[in-house]
N, C-alpha and C. Protein backbone atom coordinates (compact mmCIF):
# COMPACT_ATOMS: atom_id res chain seq x y z
N GLN A 1 -85.87 18.84 -53.79
CA GLN A 1 -86.56 17.57 -53.80
C GLN A 1 -85.60 16.46 -54.15
N VAL A 2 -85.52 15.46 -53.28
CA VAL A 2 -84.58 14.33 -53.55
C VAL A 2 -85.14 13.50 -54.70
N GLN A 3 -84.24 13.18 -55.61
CA GLN A 3 -84.61 12.27 -56.71
C GLN A 3 -83.50 11.27 -56.95
N LEU A 4 -83.92 10.02 -57.17
CA LEU A 4 -83.04 8.95 -57.58
C LEU A 4 -83.57 8.44 -58.91
N VAL A 5 -82.75 8.42 -59.92
CA VAL A 5 -83.23 8.00 -61.22
C VAL A 5 -82.33 6.85 -61.72
N GLU A 6 -82.92 5.68 -61.88
CA GLU A 6 -82.20 4.53 -62.38
C GLU A 6 -82.22 4.48 -63.90
N SER A 7 -81.18 3.87 -64.46
CA SER A 7 -81.17 3.62 -65.87
C SER A 7 -80.22 2.46 -66.16
N GLY A 8 -80.24 1.92 -67.34
CA GLY A 8 -79.32 0.88 -67.74
C GLY A 8 -79.90 -0.51 -67.83
N GLY A 9 -81.15 -0.67 -67.43
CA GLY A 9 -81.76 -1.98 -67.54
C GLY A 9 -82.04 -2.36 -68.97
N GLY A 10 -82.43 -3.61 -69.16
CA GLY A 10 -82.75 -4.07 -70.50
C GLY A 10 -82.78 -5.56 -70.58
N LEU A 11 -82.74 -6.08 -71.80
CA LEU A 11 -82.76 -7.51 -72.06
C LEU A 11 -81.36 -7.96 -72.41
N VAL A 12 -80.92 -9.02 -71.75
CA VAL A 12 -79.59 -9.57 -71.98
C VAL A 12 -79.64 -11.06 -71.90
N GLN A 13 -78.76 -11.69 -72.65
CA GLN A 13 -78.70 -13.17 -72.59
C GLN A 13 -77.94 -13.61 -71.36
N ALA A 14 -78.24 -14.83 -70.93
CA ALA A 14 -77.50 -15.40 -69.79
C ALA A 14 -76.00 -15.37 -70.07
N GLY A 15 -75.24 -14.99 -69.05
CA GLY A 15 -73.82 -14.85 -69.16
C GLY A 15 -73.36 -13.45 -69.53
N GLY A 16 -74.29 -12.63 -69.92
CA GLY A 16 -73.99 -11.23 -70.30
C GLY A 16 -73.86 -10.30 -69.12
N SER A 17 -73.65 -9.04 -69.45
CA SER A 17 -73.46 -8.01 -68.41
C SER A 17 -74.34 -6.80 -68.68
N LEU A 18 -74.59 -6.13 -67.59
CA LEU A 18 -75.27 -4.82 -67.66
C LEU A 18 -74.70 -3.92 -66.56
N ARG A 19 -74.74 -2.63 -66.80
CA ARG A 19 -74.37 -1.72 -65.75
C ARG A 19 -75.53 -0.74 -65.53
N LEU A 20 -76.04 -0.81 -64.31
CA LEU A 20 -77.10 0.07 -63.92
C LEU A 20 -76.54 1.33 -63.30
N SER A 21 -77.26 2.46 -63.54
CA SER A 21 -76.84 3.72 -62.95
C SER A 21 -77.98 4.28 -62.11
N CYS A 22 -77.60 4.99 -61.05
CA CYS A 22 -78.55 5.70 -60.20
C CYS A 22 -78.02 7.11 -60.03
N THR A 23 -78.67 8.03 -60.70
CA THR A 23 -78.24 9.40 -60.61
C THR A 23 -79.09 10.11 -59.53
N THR A 24 -78.38 10.82 -58.64
CA THR A 24 -79.05 11.41 -57.52
C THR A 24 -79.08 12.94 -57.69
N SER A 25 -80.05 13.55 -57.03
CA SER A 25 -80.15 14.99 -57.05
C SER A 25 -81.01 15.45 -55.92
N GLY A 26 -80.95 16.72 -55.56
CA GLY A 26 -81.83 17.28 -54.57
C GLY A 26 -81.16 17.48 -53.20
N ARG A 27 -80.01 16.86 -53.01
CA ARG A 27 -79.29 17.07 -51.73
C ARG A 27 -77.91 16.49 -51.86
N THR A 28 -77.09 16.75 -50.90
CA THR A 28 -75.74 16.14 -50.81
C THR A 28 -75.87 14.80 -50.16
N PHE A 29 -75.37 13.77 -50.84
CA PHE A 29 -75.53 12.39 -50.31
C PHE A 29 -74.28 11.91 -49.58
N SER A 30 -73.43 12.78 -49.21
CA SER A 30 -72.14 12.33 -48.61
C SER A 30 -72.36 11.58 -47.29
N ASN A 31 -73.46 11.84 -46.62
CA ASN A 31 -73.74 11.17 -45.36
C ASN A 31 -74.83 10.10 -45.52
N TYR A 32 -74.95 9.60 -46.71
CA TYR A 32 -75.98 8.61 -47.00
C TYR A 32 -75.38 7.24 -47.30
N PHE A 33 -76.22 6.27 -47.12
CA PHE A 33 -75.97 4.88 -47.42
C PHE A 33 -76.82 4.55 -48.65
N MET A 34 -76.19 4.17 -49.72
CA MET A 34 -76.89 3.92 -50.99
C MET A 34 -77.03 2.42 -51.26
N GLY A 35 -78.23 1.99 -51.55
CA GLY A 35 -78.45 0.58 -51.77
C GLY A 35 -79.06 0.26 -53.11
N TRP A 36 -78.83 -0.94 -53.60
CA TRP A 36 -79.54 -1.52 -54.71
C TRP A 36 -80.34 -2.67 -54.20
N PHE A 37 -81.60 -2.69 -54.64
CA PHE A 37 -82.49 -3.80 -54.31
C PHE A 37 -83.09 -4.32 -55.61
N ARG A 38 -83.68 -5.49 -55.55
CA ARG A 38 -84.39 -6.01 -56.74
C ARG A 38 -85.65 -6.71 -56.28
N GLN A 39 -86.58 -6.70 -57.20
CA GLN A 39 -87.87 -7.36 -56.92
C GLN A 39 -88.37 -8.03 -58.15
N ALA A 40 -88.56 -9.33 -58.05
CA ALA A 40 -89.13 -10.12 -59.10
C ALA A 40 -90.64 -10.17 -58.93
N PRO A 41 -91.40 -10.42 -59.98
CA PRO A 41 -92.86 -10.44 -59.85
C PRO A 41 -93.32 -11.45 -58.77
N GLY A 42 -94.17 -10.98 -57.92
CA GLY A 42 -94.72 -11.86 -56.87
C GLY A 42 -93.76 -12.14 -55.73
N LYS A 43 -92.62 -11.46 -55.70
CA LYS A 43 -91.64 -11.75 -54.65
C LYS A 43 -91.36 -10.43 -53.85
N GLU A 44 -90.65 -10.59 -52.74
CA GLU A 44 -90.30 -9.43 -51.94
C GLU A 44 -89.14 -8.69 -52.56
N ARG A 45 -89.00 -7.49 -52.12
CA ARG A 45 -87.87 -6.68 -52.54
C ARG A 45 -86.63 -7.06 -51.73
N ASP A 46 -85.62 -7.51 -52.41
CA ASP A 46 -84.43 -8.07 -51.74
C ASP A 46 -83.21 -7.15 -51.92
N PHE A 47 -82.41 -7.16 -50.90
CA PHE A 47 -81.14 -6.41 -50.91
C PHE A 47 -80.19 -7.07 -51.88
N VAL A 48 -79.48 -6.21 -52.65
CA VAL A 48 -78.45 -6.69 -53.58
C VAL A 48 -77.07 -6.23 -53.13
N ALA A 49 -76.91 -4.91 -52.97
CA ALA A 49 -75.61 -4.37 -52.64
C ALA A 49 -75.82 -2.97 -52.10
N ALA A 50 -74.80 -2.45 -51.42
CA ALA A 50 -74.88 -1.08 -50.91
C ALA A 50 -73.48 -0.47 -50.82
N ILE A 51 -73.43 0.85 -50.76
CA ILE A 51 -72.18 1.53 -50.64
C ILE A 51 -72.37 2.69 -49.73
N ARG A 52 -71.37 2.90 -48.90
CA ARG A 52 -71.39 4.02 -47.98
C ARG A 52 -70.75 5.19 -48.70
N TRP A 53 -71.54 6.24 -48.93
CA TRP A 53 -71.05 7.29 -49.76
C TRP A 53 -69.79 7.97 -49.24
N ILE A 54 -69.67 8.13 -47.95
CA ILE A 54 -68.59 8.92 -47.40
C ILE A 54 -67.24 8.28 -47.58
N ASP A 55 -67.15 6.96 -47.60
CA ASP A 55 -65.87 6.36 -47.74
C ASP A 55 -65.81 5.24 -48.79
N GLY A 56 -66.95 4.96 -49.40
CA GLY A 56 -66.97 3.99 -50.51
C GLY A 56 -66.99 2.55 -50.03
N ARG A 57 -67.15 2.31 -48.75
CA ARG A 57 -67.16 0.88 -48.28
C ARG A 57 -68.40 0.19 -48.90
N THR A 58 -68.19 -1.02 -49.32
CA THR A 58 -69.28 -1.72 -50.05
C THR A 58 -69.76 -2.94 -49.28
N TYR A 59 -70.97 -3.31 -49.57
CA TYR A 59 -71.63 -4.43 -48.90
C TYR A 59 -72.41 -5.21 -49.98
N TYR A 60 -72.41 -6.54 -49.83
CA TYR A 60 -73.10 -7.36 -50.81
C TYR A 60 -73.86 -8.47 -50.11
N THR A 61 -74.92 -8.90 -50.76
CA THR A 61 -75.53 -10.16 -50.31
C THR A 61 -74.63 -11.30 -50.83
N ASP A 62 -74.52 -12.34 -50.04
CA ASP A 62 -73.53 -13.38 -50.35
C ASP A 62 -73.68 -13.98 -51.74
N SER A 63 -74.85 -14.16 -52.20
CA SER A 63 -75.04 -14.86 -53.46
C SER A 63 -74.65 -14.02 -54.68
N MET A 64 -74.43 -12.73 -54.46
CA MET A 64 -74.14 -11.86 -55.59
C MET A 64 -72.69 -11.29 -55.57
N GLU A 65 -72.05 -11.43 -54.42
CA GLU A 65 -70.69 -10.94 -54.36
C GLU A 65 -69.82 -11.74 -55.31
N GLY A 66 -69.03 -11.03 -56.09
CA GLY A 66 -68.20 -11.66 -57.12
C GLY A 66 -68.77 -11.50 -58.49
N ARG A 67 -70.08 -11.45 -58.60
CA ARG A 67 -70.72 -11.19 -59.91
C ARG A 67 -71.13 -9.72 -60.07
N PHE A 68 -71.54 -9.15 -58.95
CA PHE A 68 -72.04 -7.77 -58.96
C PHE A 68 -71.03 -6.86 -58.24
N THR A 69 -70.87 -5.66 -58.76
CA THR A 69 -69.98 -4.68 -58.16
C THR A 69 -70.69 -3.31 -58.07
N ILE A 70 -70.73 -2.79 -56.87
CA ILE A 70 -71.32 -1.45 -56.66
C ILE A 70 -70.19 -0.44 -56.58
N SER A 71 -70.43 0.75 -57.15
CA SER A 71 -69.42 1.79 -57.13
C SER A 71 -70.13 3.12 -57.21
N LYS A 72 -69.35 4.18 -57.08
CA LYS A 72 -69.92 5.54 -57.14
C LYS A 72 -69.00 6.51 -57.84
N ASP A 73 -69.54 7.53 -58.38
CA ASP A 73 -68.80 8.60 -59.01
C ASP A 73 -69.25 9.90 -58.32
N ASN A 74 -68.39 10.43 -57.47
CA ASN A 74 -68.79 11.62 -56.70
C ASN A 74 -69.06 12.80 -57.62
N ALA A 75 -68.27 12.95 -58.65
CA ALA A 75 -68.43 14.13 -59.53
C ALA A 75 -69.77 14.06 -60.29
N LYS A 76 -70.24 12.89 -60.55
CA LYS A 76 -71.51 12.71 -61.27
C LYS A 76 -72.70 12.43 -60.35
N ASN A 77 -72.44 12.38 -59.05
CA ASN A 77 -73.48 12.07 -58.07
C ASN A 77 -74.24 10.80 -58.47
N THR A 78 -73.54 9.80 -58.89
CA THR A 78 -74.13 8.60 -59.47
C THR A 78 -73.52 7.35 -58.78
N VAL A 79 -74.42 6.43 -58.55
CA VAL A 79 -74.01 5.10 -58.04
C VAL A 79 -74.30 4.10 -59.15
N TYR A 80 -73.37 3.13 -59.26
CA TYR A 80 -73.49 2.13 -60.33
C TYR A 80 -73.62 0.74 -59.73
N LEU A 81 -74.20 -0.15 -60.50
CA LEU A 81 -74.23 -1.56 -60.21
C LEU A 81 -73.82 -2.31 -61.46
N GLN A 82 -72.57 -2.78 -61.47
CA GLN A 82 -72.07 -3.60 -62.57
C GLN A 82 -72.47 -5.04 -62.33
N MET A 83 -73.19 -5.65 -63.27
CA MET A 83 -73.68 -7.00 -63.10
C MET A 83 -73.09 -7.84 -64.21
N ASN A 84 -72.35 -8.86 -63.84
CA ASN A 84 -71.70 -9.76 -64.77
C ASN A 84 -72.21 -11.19 -64.62
N SER A 85 -71.97 -11.98 -65.60
CA SER A 85 -72.36 -13.42 -65.55
C SER A 85 -73.84 -13.53 -65.17
N LEU A 86 -74.65 -12.79 -65.79
CA LEU A 86 -76.07 -12.71 -65.43
C LEU A 86 -76.76 -14.06 -65.70
N LYS A 87 -77.71 -14.35 -64.84
CA LYS A 87 -78.50 -15.58 -64.91
C LYS A 87 -79.95 -15.25 -65.07
N PRO A 88 -80.75 -16.14 -65.59
CA PRO A 88 -82.21 -15.88 -65.71
C PRO A 88 -82.85 -15.52 -64.35
N GLU A 89 -82.31 -16.10 -63.29
CA GLU A 89 -82.91 -15.77 -61.96
C GLU A 89 -82.56 -14.38 -61.47
N ASP A 90 -81.71 -13.64 -62.21
CA ASP A 90 -81.45 -12.25 -61.91
C ASP A 90 -82.51 -11.33 -62.48
N THR A 91 -83.41 -11.87 -63.26
CA THR A 91 -84.50 -11.09 -63.86
C THR A 91 -85.36 -10.48 -62.73
N ALA A 92 -85.51 -9.12 -62.79
CA ALA A 92 -86.21 -8.41 -61.77
C ALA A 92 -86.21 -6.91 -62.12
N THR A 93 -86.98 -6.18 -61.38
CA THR A 93 -86.85 -4.73 -61.41
C THR A 93 -85.85 -4.32 -60.35
N TYR A 94 -84.87 -3.55 -60.71
CA TYR A 94 -83.83 -3.14 -59.80
C TYR A 94 -84.08 -1.70 -59.37
N TYR A 95 -83.97 -1.49 -58.06
CA TYR A 95 -84.24 -0.20 -57.48
C TYR A 95 -83.02 0.33 -56.75
N CYS A 96 -82.84 1.64 -56.90
CA CYS A 96 -81.85 2.36 -56.14
C CYS A 96 -82.53 2.98 -54.95
N ALA A 97 -81.84 3.03 -53.80
CA ALA A 97 -82.45 3.59 -52.60
C ALA A 97 -81.37 4.28 -51.78
N ALA A 98 -81.85 5.22 -50.94
CA ALA A 98 -80.92 5.98 -50.10
C ALA A 98 -81.45 6.10 -48.70
N ARG A 99 -80.53 6.04 -47.72
CA ARG A 99 -80.96 6.28 -46.35
C ARG A 99 -79.91 7.11 -45.68
N TYR A 100 -80.31 7.97 -44.75
CA TYR A 100 -79.35 8.83 -44.06
C TYR A 100 -78.59 8.00 -43.02
N GLY A 101 -77.30 8.21 -42.97
CA GLY A 101 -76.50 7.49 -41.99
C GLY A 101 -75.50 6.58 -42.67
N SER A 102 -74.68 5.95 -41.87
CA SER A 102 -73.57 5.10 -42.41
C SER A 102 -73.65 3.69 -42.00
N ALA A 103 -74.68 3.30 -41.25
CA ALA A 103 -74.74 1.94 -40.80
C ALA A 103 -75.18 1.03 -41.94
N ASP A 104 -74.60 -0.19 -41.90
CA ASP A 104 -74.96 -1.22 -42.88
C ASP A 104 -76.44 -1.58 -42.62
N GLN A 105 -77.25 -1.43 -43.66
CA GLN A 105 -78.66 -1.70 -43.49
C GLN A 105 -79.19 -2.36 -44.75
N ARG A 106 -79.79 -3.53 -44.57
CA ARG A 106 -80.21 -4.33 -45.73
C ARG A 106 -81.74 -4.53 -45.81
N HIS A 107 -82.45 -3.87 -44.94
CA HIS A 107 -83.90 -3.98 -45.01
C HIS A 107 -84.48 -2.81 -45.79
N ALA A 108 -85.36 -3.10 -46.72
CA ALA A 108 -85.90 -2.06 -47.61
C ALA A 108 -86.63 -0.98 -46.79
N THR A 109 -87.23 -1.36 -45.69
CA THR A 109 -88.04 -0.44 -44.90
C THR A 109 -87.19 0.63 -44.26
N ALA A 110 -85.87 0.45 -44.21
CA ALA A 110 -85.01 1.42 -43.56
C ALA A 110 -84.58 2.54 -44.48
N TYR A 111 -84.91 2.42 -45.72
CA TYR A 111 -84.48 3.41 -46.71
C TYR A 111 -85.56 4.47 -46.93
N ASN A 112 -85.07 5.72 -47.01
CA ASN A 112 -85.98 6.84 -47.06
C ASN A 112 -86.44 7.22 -48.49
N TYR A 113 -85.52 7.02 -49.42
CA TYR A 113 -85.77 7.48 -50.79
C TYR A 113 -85.55 6.34 -51.78
N TRP A 114 -86.37 6.33 -52.81
CA TRP A 114 -86.38 5.26 -53.80
C TRP A 114 -86.48 5.84 -55.21
N GLY A 115 -85.80 5.16 -56.11
CA GLY A 115 -86.04 5.44 -57.54
C GLY A 115 -87.23 4.70 -58.05
N GLN A 116 -87.49 4.90 -59.34
CA GLN A 116 -88.69 4.28 -59.96
C GLN A 116 -88.43 2.88 -60.39
N GLY A 117 -87.17 2.46 -60.47
CA GLY A 117 -86.81 1.11 -60.85
C GLY A 117 -86.44 1.01 -62.33
N THR A 118 -85.61 0.03 -62.63
CA THR A 118 -85.26 -0.27 -64.00
C THR A 118 -85.32 -1.78 -64.18
N ARG A 119 -85.95 -2.19 -65.29
CA ARG A 119 -86.23 -3.59 -65.49
C ARG A 119 -85.02 -4.29 -66.13
N VAL A 120 -84.65 -5.44 -65.53
CA VAL A 120 -83.63 -6.27 -66.12
C VAL A 120 -84.21 -7.65 -66.43
N THR A 121 -84.05 -8.08 -67.69
CA THR A 121 -84.54 -9.38 -68.08
C THR A 121 -83.36 -10.16 -68.67
N VAL A 122 -83.15 -11.35 -68.08
CA VAL A 122 -82.08 -12.21 -68.57
C VAL A 122 -82.67 -13.44 -69.19
N SER A 123 -82.39 -13.61 -70.49
CA SER A 123 -82.95 -14.74 -71.23
C SER A 123 -82.02 -15.94 -71.16
N SER A 124 -82.57 -17.12 -71.19
CA SER A 124 -81.74 -18.35 -71.12
C SER A 124 -81.30 -18.81 -72.51
């Protein structure tokens, strides 16, 4: 059974940093595209960043590139999202997701598997 488990969320002041983790299990993800999305209350689930597991190529939404960094640890079957210079508008629940294949894909509906989410709150 495929499982994605996020951790690392919490409360942080503006300008601070957090590192989110997404630990995977249940299958080999080498042919998967791993994404991070976020959803604020009353808003849609938006793409944040993604990484192609097979070669580590990364993708970002324009507004977050430079502040956020996605990475992976093959030995730990874990994908990370390092978030720096956090702003109050980054407050949201952050979700890890996986889809089979290597194509760049930023629509939530294209992803097959989802974690339960981890809450990030940035205070001003």
